[in-house]
Amino acid sequence: MISEARIEEAVSRMFSTLTFESEPAGLYDPLRYMIQIGGKRIRPRLCLTAYALFKDSFDESILSPAAALEVFHSFTLIHDDIMDKADIRRGVPTVYRRWNENTAILSGDVMSIDSYKRMAKAPTKVLPQALELFSTTAAQVCEGQQYDMDFESMEQVPMDGYIRMITLKTAVLMACSAKMGALIAGADESICNSLYDFGINLGIAFQIADDWLDTFGDVTVFGKKIGGDILNDKKTWLLTKAMEVADDSLRAALREAMALPAGSDGEKAAKIAAVSDIYRSLGIGALAQEEIVRYHVKALDAITGVGLGGMQVEMLKRYAAGLLGRQY
């Protein structure tokens, strides 16, 4: 096995040395910008963690595919920001705001292509399976984004529809990351599939936790302003659950609160407070925490009794705990 310290070192080196073509600068500068503004790197870290369960050292055959997962994720963020009309990403202007929409579309396209070039460096023995897994996942992420956009015009989203959306938009890339690491390491198919299930459930828990943090989190921990999802009228787990459990009167009040204007700072604060107060009256925060725990447990169940050793399971448990934090 490879230690977590060496995994962290590999991730840090990977993104401090990651390079793209130099010319034309107008095409490739946005790619460098997206990588330089950082991120949690949770997908390549999970990929390397899964690989580390079975191997004693890293080489280009895993480092390049692990980087591909983050490059692909960054591509989706460039295009998501255009569709969401988002001004800020990780505290700095989004690509389409810093450059323009056409540049962001084209740079996102070439970033997607770049991710495939990196994934193609997987070992020849498993390259067909790696590309099939990656391609299927890429299409599923796009499907999830389409569902998310469809939800914008819906007054109320069913919970099973919301879970399907976040499974596709967020969780499948986590699952792909876990399975990819094991696949390239040469793990048995059953263990690869168990790690995929681990990633799916962890990814769902992670997205619900992100929804919870947006309303109930500490801004110093969350890293961005509280209430952004409310101001942007996003169909989150919190809103979906609140609409599901509220009576007719409170459901109408919630719709009115979500429809409040959010132009000035005062209006924004009032809208966030109005919606948050309804969430608190329904106990939505606690219900979300229970759901995070439920999916966290499902993730751990997926890797229990499947042939992994105790130290291997403990490393995955530590990864999950680090991803979700301690507040759940």
Foldseek 3Di string as FASTA:
>chain_A
DEDLVVLVVLVVVLLVPDDDDPPPVLQCVLLNVLSVLDDPLLLLSLLQLLLVLQDHDDDLLSSLLSVLLVLLVSLVVLVVCVVLVPQDDLRHGRPCNVPNDVSSNNSSVVSNVSSVVSLCSHDPVCSVVLVVLVVVLSVLLVVLVVLQVVCVPPPADAPVSVLSSQLNNWQQSQLSSNLNSNVSSPHDPLQSVLSSQLSSLLRSLLQLLLVLCLQPNDCVVNSDHRPPCLLSVGPHPLLNVLCVPDDPVLNVQLSVLSPFHDDDPVSSVSSSVSNSVSSVVVVSSVVSVVSSVVSNVSSLVSNPPRPRDPVSSVSSNVSSCVSNDDPD
